[in-house]
Amino acid sequence: MNIRLILSGLVALAAVCAIPETTCGQTGRIFISNGQFGKATIQEYSTDGAVLHRPLISGLAQFQPSGIAVSGQDLFVTDTSSLNTIGKYTTSGATVNPALISGLNSPVRIAVSGEFLYVTNLFGGVGTIGKYTTSGATVNAALVSGLDSPQGIAVSGDKLFVTSSGDATEGNGTISEYTTSGATVNAALVSGLDFPVDIAVSEGNLFVTNAYGGTVGEYTTSGVPVNPALIDGLNFPVGIDVLGDSLFVVNVGNGTIGKYTTSGVPVNPSLVSGLRPWGGIAVVSAPVPDASSTWTLLLLGLTATFGLKPLLLRPA
């Protein structure tokens, strides 16, 4: 066994892992809105809880960034302050357009699917869902209207799932279902929720945060309860996202992001702590390095150790 060959391979592998946005030892990326009004930021962590960028995006002086969505290398952020905009940034933190979409009515949450953005607008308690392109063009600013305090939104195929908090004191929150063209499928797909705020969808199941109930409930996309208290004992949960078999929950009450399995088993209830979160969260897989680049670095590592030319020229 050639020990030098093995060591050189390990050196090359270490070089690959040192490249930004490779997946060696990093299973995913968490983007979270954080900070007090006038000093808001977007921070980035790994799905293991390690700090990647704190902050990733700063200078959001007027922002109340309650919604985040990621598509490829693009990061979209809603601003619920007087600006009423959706800003566009890269996942590396560069500003593309801080007012990509403007003139909204208290935009709360945002979802992205393909080339389209869907945003809930909570204005005066009677809200809408607007549809736009990821380039900022308006498709339909009132795709769905007349909603009762819409909050979270998730897209699955050609369906939209939206939480409406209703009267916070009466436990009459709902999950509604619409098509991505704006047609109503079921305005009360799930009812009787306790101030539902955010929603995520994965493999035919809906996961919803009940802020006042301190729970995450699970339902099928047909509205059938799987476990209305899949996770309980939470501290005002307002944000949720799913990656693979993991759920990530933002607790405003104690400033944490908790990590659980989609079966409700705690992995780390305080995966990230010390936050002042607005509730916006997006969790994505880390990009996989290009295979050709990986092999190039491996060959460079071998060359640096004892040269490839003699090997290539060696007779068979």
Protein backbone atom coordinates (compact mmCIF):
# COMPACT_ATOMS: atom_id res chain seq x y z
CA MET A 1 0.00 0.00 0.00
CA ASN A 2 1.43 3.39 -0.99
CA ILE A 3 1.10 5.56 2.13
CA ARG A 4 2.23 8.65 0.24
CA LEU A 5 -0.57 8.14 -2.27
CA ILE A 6 -3.16 7.85 0.49
CA LEU A 7 -1.86 10.95 2.27
CA SER A 8 -1.81 12.95 -0.94
CA GLY A 9 -5.41 11.95 -1.60
CA LEU A 10 -6.40 13.12 1.86
CA VAL A 11 -4.64 16.43 1.28
CA ALA A 12 -6.55 16.87 -1.97
CA LEU A 13 -9.82 16.00 -0.27
CA ALA A 14 -9.12 18.56 2.42
CA ALA A 15 -8.55 21.12 -0.32
CA VAL A 16 -11.95 20.28 -1.80
CA CYS A 17 -13.65 20.67 1.56
CA ALA A 18 -12.00 24.05 2.01
CA ILE A 19 -13.77 25.41 -1.05
CA PRO A 20 -16.76 27.58 -0.09
CA GLU A 21 -20.19 25.98 -0.59
CA THR A 22 -19.02 22.38 -0.76
CA THR A 23 -20.80 19.77 1.31
CA CYS A 24 -17.91 18.13 3.15
CA GLY A 25 -19.07 18.03 6.76
CA GLN A 26 -21.96 20.39 5.99
CA THR A 27 -25.37 18.95 5.22
CA GLY A 28 -27.29 22.15 4.61
CA ARG A 29 -27.64 25.88 5.17
CA ILE A 30 -30.06 27.81 7.38
CA PHE A 31 -30.95 31.42 6.58
CA ILE A 32 -32.65 33.26 9.43
CA SER A 33 -33.93 36.83 9.83
CA ASN A 34 -32.65 38.34 13.04
CA GLY A 35 -32.23 41.56 15.02
CA GLN A 36 -34.32 44.40 16.30
CA PHE A 37 -36.26 46.81 14.13
CA GLY A 38 -33.87 49.17 12.39
CA LYS A 39 -30.93 46.79 12.89
CA ALA A 40 -32.15 43.66 11.16
CA THR A 41 -29.82 41.17 9.52
CA ILE A 42 -29.90 37.86 7.72
CA GLN A 43 -27.69 35.25 9.37
CA GLU A 44 -26.49 31.92 8.04
CA TYR A 45 -25.84 28.69 9.93
CA SER A 46 -25.21 25.10 8.98
CA THR A 47 -27.92 22.55 9.69
CA ASP A 48 -25.61 21.29 12.42
CA GLY A 49 -25.84 24.67 14.14
CA ALA A 50 -22.42 26.04 13.20
CA VAL A 51 -22.10 29.74 12.42
CA LEU A 52 -21.39 30.31 8.73
CA HIS A 53 -22.06 34.04 8.38
CA ARG A 54 -23.23 36.29 11.21
CA PRO A 55 -24.36 38.44 9.58
CA LEU A 56 -24.66 37.38 5.96
CA ILE A 57 -26.64 40.50 5.04
CA SER A 58 -26.67 43.66 7.15
CA GLY A 59 -27.71 47.26 6.75
CA LEU A 60 -31.42 46.41 6.64
CA ALA A 61 -32.08 49.61 8.56
CA GLN A 62 -35.81 49.83 7.85
CA PHE A 63 -36.52 46.15 7.62
CA GLN A 64 -38.80 43.84 9.52
CA PRO A 65 -37.73 40.75 7.55
CA SER A 66 -40.40 38.22 8.45
CA GLY A 67 -40.23 36.05 5.32
CA ILE A 68 -37.33 34.38 3.50
CA ALA A 69 -37.28 32.15 0.44
CA VAL A 70 -34.35 30.67 -1.49
CA SER A 71 -34.19 29.62 -5.12
CA GLY A 72 -30.84 28.46 -6.42
CA GLN A 73 -28.38 31.24 -5.63
CA ASP A 74 -31.13 33.82 -5.02
CA LEU A 75 -32.43 34.88 -1.61
CA PHE A 76 -35.73 36.77 -1.31
CA VAL A 77 -36.70 38.72 1.82
CA THR A 78 -40.00 40.41 2.70
CA ASP A 79 -40.06 43.73 4.54
CA THR A 80 -43.17 44.35 6.64
CA SER A 81 -42.21 47.88 7.71
CA SER A 82 -43.25 51.05 5.91
CA LEU A 83 -41.16 50.02 2.90
CA ASN A 84 -43.45 47.07 2.07
CA THR A 85 -41.04 45.45 -0.35
CA ILE A 86 -39.42 42.19 -1.34
CA GLY A 87 -35.64 42.43 -1.63
CA LYS A 88 -33.43 40.15 -3.69
CA TYR A 89 -29.94 39.09 -2.65
CA THR A 90 -27.58 36.27 -3.45
CA THR A 91 -27.05 33.42 -1.00
CA SER A 92 -23.50 34.77 -0.69
CA GLY A 93 -24.89 38.02 0.71
CA ALA A 94 -24.57 40.33 -2.30
CA THR A 95 -27.38 42.80 -2.93
CA VAL A 96 -29.20 42.32 -6.24
CA ASN A 97 -32.18 44.64 -5.71
CA PRO A 98 -33.34 45.65 -2.19
CA ALA A 99 -36.71 46.70 -3.63
CA LEU A 100 -37.25 44.08 -6.32
CA ILE A 101 -41.00 44.30 -5.67
CA SER A 102 -42.57 47.33 -4.01
CA GLY A 103 -46.01 48.72 -3.19
CA LEU A 104 -47.08 45.69 -1.15
CA ASN A 105 -49.48 45.73 1.80
CA SER A 106 -47.55 44.45 4.83
CA PRO A 107 -45.97 41.40 3.16
CA VAL A 108 -45.48 38.63 5.69
CA ARG A 109 -44.26 35.32 4.26
CA ILE A 110 -42.99 34.27 0.89
CA ALA A 111 -42.64 31.04 -1.08
CA VAL A 112 -40.89 30.36 -4.35
CA SER A 113 -41.54 27.73 -6.99
CA GLY A 114 -39.77 27.75 -10.31
CA GLU A 115 -39.81 31.29 -11.67
CA PHE A 116 -42.65 32.49 -9.44
CA LEU A 117 -42.87 34.11 -6.02
CA TYR A 118 -45.99 33.91 -3.85
CA VAL A 119 -46.37 36.36 -0.97
CA THR A 120 -48.99 36.80 1.75
CA ASN A 121 -50.04 40.38 2.44
CA LEU A 122 -51.53 41.09 5.85
CA PHE A 123 -53.19 44.50 5.65
CA GLY A 124 -55.87 45.47 8.14
CA GLY A 125 -56.56 41.81 8.88
CA VAL A 126 -58.04 41.24 5.40
CA GLY A 127 -55.23 40.01 3.21
CA THR A 128 -54.18 38.75 -0.17
CA ILE A 129 -51.73 36.47 -1.92
CA GLY A 130 -49.71 38.11 -4.65
CA LYS A 131 -47.88 36.35 -7.46
CA TYR A 132 -44.73 37.70 -9.09
CA THR A 133 -41.81 36.45 -11.11
CA THR A 134 -38.40 36.03 -9.52
CA SER A 135 -37.32 38.93 -11.74
CA GLY A 136 -39.85 41.20 -10.01
CA ALA A 137 -42.59 41.35 -12.65
CA THR A 138 -46.17 41.37 -11.38
CA VAL A 139 -48.26 38.38 -12.45
CA ASN A 140 -51.26 39.05 -10.21
CA ALA A 141 -50.98 41.29 -7.15
CA ALA A 142 -54.26 39.90 -5.80
CA LEU A 143 -54.10 36.29 -6.96
CA VAL A 144 -56.21 35.40 -3.92
CA SER A 145 -58.06 38.05 -1.91
CA GLY A 146 -60.37 38.42 1.07
CA LEU A 147 -58.25 36.30 3.39
CA ASP A 148 -58.49 36.49 7.18
CA SER A 149 -55.04 37.46 8.46
CA PRO A 150 -52.93 35.29 6.11
CA GLN A 151 -49.52 34.36 7.44
CA GLY A 152 -47.45 31.41 6.21
CA ILE A 153 -47.43 30.03 2.68
CA ALA A 154 -46.01 26.88 1.09
CA VAL A 155 -46.06 25.55 -2.48
CA SER A 156 -46.38 21.92 -3.51
CA GLY A 157 -46.77 21.25 -7.21
CA ASP A 158 -49.66 23.40 -8.44
CA LYS A 159 -51.09 23.92 -4.94
CA LEU A 160 -50.68 26.72 -2.40
CA PHE A 161 -51.18 26.10 1.32
CA VAL A 162 -51.78 29.19 3.44
CA THR A 163 -52.22 29.69 7.19
CA SER A 164 -54.68 32.28 8.46
CA SER A 165 -54.33 33.19 12.13
CA GLY A 166 -57.91 34.39 12.58
CA ASP A 167 -58.82 35.78 16.01
CA ALA A 168 -55.83 35.13 18.22
CA THR A 169 -58.01 34.61 21.30
CA GLU A 170 -60.48 32.13 19.82
CA GLY A 171 -58.37 29.38 18.30
CA ASN A 172 -60.07 29.64 14.92
CA GLY A 173 -57.00 29.62 12.71
CA THR A 174 -57.06 27.69 9.45
CA ILE A 175 -55.02 26.22 6.65
CA SER A 176 -56.46 26.98 3.22
CA GLU A 177 -55.66 25.39 -0.12
CA TYR A 178 -55.57 27.15 -3.49
CA THR A 179 -54.11 26.46 -6.89
CA THR A 180 -51.12 28.43 -8.10
CA SER A 181 -53.57 30.05 -10.53
CA GLY A 182 -55.61 31.42 -7.62
CA ALA A 183 -58.59 29.04 -7.63
CA THR A 184 -59.97 28.01 -4.24
CA VAL A 185 -59.64 24.29 -3.50
CA ASN A 186 -60.61 24.34 0.18
CA ALA A 187 -60.76 27.55 2.20
CA ALA A 188 -60.82 25.56 5.45
CA LEU A 189 -58.72 22.50 4.70
CA VAL A 190 -57.71 22.42 8.38
CA SER A 191 -59.51 24.46 11.05
CA GLY A 192 -59.45 25.06 14.80
CA LEU A 193 -55.77 25.97 14.96
CA ASP A 194 -54.27 28.11 17.72
CA PHE A 195 -52.79 31.13 15.93
CA PRO A 196 -51.01 29.27 13.10
CA VAL A 197 -48.15 31.30 11.68
CA ASP A 198 -45.83 29.38 9.38
CA ILE A 199 -46.19 26.25 7.28
CA ALA A 200 -43.92 23.79 5.46
CA VAL A 201 -44.76 20.90 3.15
CA SER A 202 -42.83 17.69 2.58
CA GLU A 203 -43.73 14.36 1.00
CA GLY A 204 -47.47 14.84 1.19
CA ASN A 205 -47.53 16.25 4.72
CA LEU A 206 -48.04 19.75 6.10
CA PHE A 207 -46.21 21.01 9.19
CA VAL A 208 -47.65 24.12 10.85
CA THR A 209 -46.53 26.20 13.83
CA ASN A 210 -49.21 27.14 16.37
CA ALA A 211 -47.68 30.16 18.08
CA TYR A 212 -50.11 30.41 21.00
CA GLY A 213 -50.39 26.67 21.43
CA GLY A 214 -46.62 26.20 21.44
CA THR A 215 -46.85 23.27 19.04
CA VAL A 216 -46.08 22.03 15.57
CA GLY A 217 -48.95 20.09 14.05
CA GLU A 218 -48.79 17.61 11.20
CA TYR A 219 -51.52 17.03 8.61
CA THR A 220 -51.72 15.45 5.20
CA THR A 221 -52.10 17.72 2.19
CA SER A 222 -55.69 16.43 2.11
CA GLY A 223 -56.29 17.97 5.54
CA VAL A 224 -56.31 14.75 7.55
CA PRO A 225 -54.72 15.13 11.01
CA VAL A 226 -51.58 13.03 11.47
CA ASN A 227 -50.58 14.53 14.82
CA PRO A 228 -51.92 17.99 15.81
CA ALA A 229 -49.25 18.18 18.53
CA LEU A 230 -46.35 16.47 16.79
CA ILE A 231 -43.98 18.73 18.74
CA ASP A 232 -45.12 20.53 21.89
CA GLY A 233 -43.69 22.64 24.69
CA LEU A 234 -42.33 25.22 22.24
CA ASN A 235 -41.86 28.89 23.06
CA PHE A 236 -44.01 30.90 20.64
CA PRO A 237 -42.96 29.08 17.45
CA VAL A 238 -43.43 31.28 14.39
CA GLY A 239 -41.12 29.92 11.71
CA ILE A 240 -40.64 26.44 10.24
CA ASP A 241 -38.89 24.76 7.34
CA VAL A 242 -38.05 21.19 6.41
CA LEU A 243 -35.02 19.59 4.80
CA GLY A 244 -35.08 15.86 4.22
CA ASP A 245 -36.26 14.23 7.43
CA SER A 246 -35.45 17.25 9.62
CA LEU A 247 -37.69 20.08 10.83
CA PHE A 248 -36.27 23.43 11.88
CA VAL A 249 -38.46 25.59 14.14
CA VAL A 250 -37.94 29.25 15.09
CA ASN A 251 -39.00 30.12 18.63
CA VAL A 252 -39.41 33.85 19.17
CA GLY A 253 -40.04 33.42 22.88
CA ASN A 254 -36.55 32.16 23.70
CA GLY A 255 -34.65 33.17 20.57
CA THR A 256 -33.76 29.72 19.30
CA ILE A 257 -33.91 27.45 16.29
CA GLY A 258 -34.81 23.91 17.27
CA LYS A 259 -34.10 20.83 15.19
CA TYR A 260 -36.44 17.82 15.17
CA THR A 261 -37.14 14.85 12.96
CA THR A 262 -40.28 14.90 10.83
CA SER A 263 -41.55 12.25 13.25
CA GLY A 264 -41.35 14.81 16.06
CA VAL A 265 -38.26 13.47 17.82
CA PRO A 266 -36.03 16.21 19.28
CA VAL A 267 -32.55 16.33 17.75
CA ASN A 268 -31.47 19.61 19.34
CA PRO A 269 -34.20 21.96 20.66
CA SER A 270 -31.59 24.74 20.93
CA LEU A 271 -29.59 24.09 17.78
CA VAL A 272 -29.01 27.85 17.47
CA SER A 273 -29.57 30.19 20.40
CA GLY A 274 -29.12 33.83 21.36
CA LEU A 275 -31.25 35.09 18.47
CA ARG A 276 -33.73 37.93 18.19
CA PRO A 277 -35.62 36.32 15.31
CA TRP A 278 -38.40 37.75 13.16
CA GLY A 279 -39.46 34.24 12.25
CA GLY A 280 -38.29 34.09 8.66
CA ILE A 281 -36.34 30.92 7.93
CA ALA A 282 -35.22 29.04 4.83
CA VAL A 283 -33.28 25.78 4.92
CA VAL A 284 -31.58 24.45 1.80
CA SER A 285 -29.13 21.74 0.83
CA ALA A 286 -25.55 22.80 0.43
CA PRO A 287 -24.48 22.79 -3.23
CA VAL A 288 -22.51 19.76 -4.36
CA PRO A 289 -19.12 20.59 -5.87
CA ASP A 290 -18.71 19.93 -9.57
CA ALA A 291 -17.24 16.45 -10.10
CA SER A 292 -14.70 17.64 -12.65
CA SER A 293 -13.42 20.27 -10.24
CA THR A 294 -13.14 17.69 -7.48
CA TRP A 295 -11.07 15.36 -9.66
CA THR A 296 -8.91 18.25 -10.81
CA LEU A 297 -8.05 19.10 -7.21
CA LEU A 298 -7.39 15.45 -6.43
CA LEU A 299 -4.95 15.21 -9.34
CA LEU A 300 -3.28 18.43 -8.22
CA GLY A 301 -2.85 16.96 -4.77
CA LEU A 302 -1.25 13.84 -6.21
CA THR A 303 0.99 15.90 -8.46
CA ALA A 304 2.13 18.06 -5.57
CA THR A 305 3.13 14.95 -3.65
CA PHE A 306 5.15 12.97 -6.17
CA GLY A 307 4.19 14.09 -9.67
CA LEU A 308 1.87 12.53 -12.22
CA LYS A 309 4.13 12.79 -15.25
CA PRO A 310 6.25 9.76 -14.42
CA LEU A 311 3.10 7.76 -13.77
CA LEU A 312 1.52 8.78 -17.03
CA LEU A 313 4.66 7.98 -19.02
CA ARG A 314 5.35 4.66 -17.29
CA PRO A 315 5.11 1.77 -19.79
CA ALA A 316 2.27 -0.67 -19.32
